[in-house]
Amino acid sequence: MEEKFNSVLAAAFDKDLSEVNDQMSSDTIAEWDSLKQMNIIVALEEEFDIYFEEDESILLKDYRGLFNAVKSKLEKKN
């Protein structure tokens, strides 16, 4: 799951997979704006077949928060 998650973020920011880490956030990456945020959410929803509520997705602006939210949704799904 982590590798797929990292691949989504790497693609969203046009970075090498090795550059993706748990320190990534909207505070540390200039291009992580509201549009990029929605692109990430949509990509994660498609990749993992999950759904984020709008109010939930607005709050998820860092690697750890996103990762934990995806993990939680996958656990509830199974």
Protein backbone atom coordinates (compact mmCIF):
# COMPACT_ATOMS: atom_id res chain seq x y z
CA MET A 1 0.00 0.00 0.00
CA GLU A 2 2.78 2.44 0.89
CA GLU A 3 4.49 2.02 -2.49
CA LYS A 4 1.24 2.70 -4.36
CA PHE A 5 0.59 5.71 -2.12
CA ASN A 6 4.09 7.07 -2.73
CA SER A 7 3.68 6.55 -6.47
CA VAL A 8 0.55 8.69 -6.47
CA LEU A 9 2.37 11.52 -4.69
CA ALA A 10 5.42 11.19 -6.92
CA ALA A 11 3.22 11.49 -10.00
CA ALA A 12 1.27 14.42 -8.56
CA PHE A 13 4.42 16.43 -7.92
CA ASP A 14 6.40 15.10 -10.89
CA LYS A 15 9.10 13.80 -8.53
CA ASP A 16 11.15 10.65 -8.42
CA LEU A 17 9.79 8.00 -6.08
CA SER A 18 12.91 8.34 -3.94
CA GLU A 19 12.02 11.98 -3.22
CA VAL A 20 8.68 11.11 -1.61
CA ASN A 21 8.83 11.08 2.18
CA ASP A 22 6.72 11.57 5.28
CA GLN A 23 7.92 15.16 5.70
CA MET A 24 6.01 16.32 2.61
CA SER A 25 3.25 18.84 3.28
CA SER A 26 1.59 21.92 1.88
CA ASP A 27 3.99 23.89 4.10
CA THR A 28 7.14 22.32 2.62
CA ILE A 29 6.16 22.05 -1.07
CA ALA A 30 5.33 25.33 -2.79
CA GLU A 31 3.30 23.72 -5.57
CA TRP A 32 1.01 21.95 -3.05
CA ASP A 33 -1.86 24.41 -3.47
CA SER A 34 -5.63 23.84 -3.33
CA LEU A 35 -5.80 22.59 -6.92
CA LYS A 36 -2.93 20.16 -6.36
CA GLN A 37 -4.66 19.05 -3.16
CA MET A 38 -7.80 18.11 -5.07
CA ASN A 39 -5.73 16.34 -7.75
CA ILE A 40 -4.03 14.27 -5.06
CA ILE A 41 -7.34 13.37 -3.44
CA VAL A 42 -8.88 12.30 -6.75
CA ALA A 43 -5.79 10.27 -7.65
CA LEU A 44 -5.83 8.50 -4.28
CA GLU A 45 -9.56 7.80 -4.58
CA GLU A 46 -9.06 6.26 -8.01
CA GLU A 47 -5.94 4.28 -7.07
CA PHE A 48 -7.39 2.79 -3.89
CA ASP A 49 -11.11 2.77 -4.78
CA ILE A 50 -12.02 4.90 -1.76
CA TYR A 51 -13.92 8.15 -1.26
CA PHE A 52 -13.12 11.28 0.76
CA GLU A 53 -15.80 13.69 1.92
CA GLU A 54 -15.10 17.28 0.86
CA ASP A 55 -14.62 18.57 4.40
CA GLU A 56 -12.28 15.67 5.12
CA SER A 57 -10.15 16.18 2.01
CA ILE A 58 -9.57 19.86 2.76
CA LEU A 59 -7.84 18.99 6.04
CA LEU A 60 -5.44 16.39 4.62
CA LYS A 61 -2.48 18.54 3.64
CA ASP A 62 0.50 16.41 4.55
CA TYR A 63 1.93 12.97 3.81
CA ARG A 64 1.16 11.44 7.20
CA GLY A 65 -2.42 12.68 7.33
CA LEU A 66 -3.13 11.47 3.82
CA PHE A 67 -1.43 8.13 4.37
CA ASN A 68 -3.29 7.46 7.63
CA ALA A 69 -6.61 8.47 6.07
CA VAL A 70 -6.10 6.11 3.12
CA LYS A 71 -5.01 3.31 5.44
CA SER A 72 -8.05 3.82 7.65
CA LYS A 73 -10.44 3.80 4.70
CA LEU A 74 -8.89 0.62 3.35
CA GLU A 75 -9.18 -1.08 6.73
CA LYS A 76 -12.87 -0.14 6.98
CA LYS A 77 -13.42 -1.44 3.46
CA ASN A 78 -12.08 -4.89 4.30
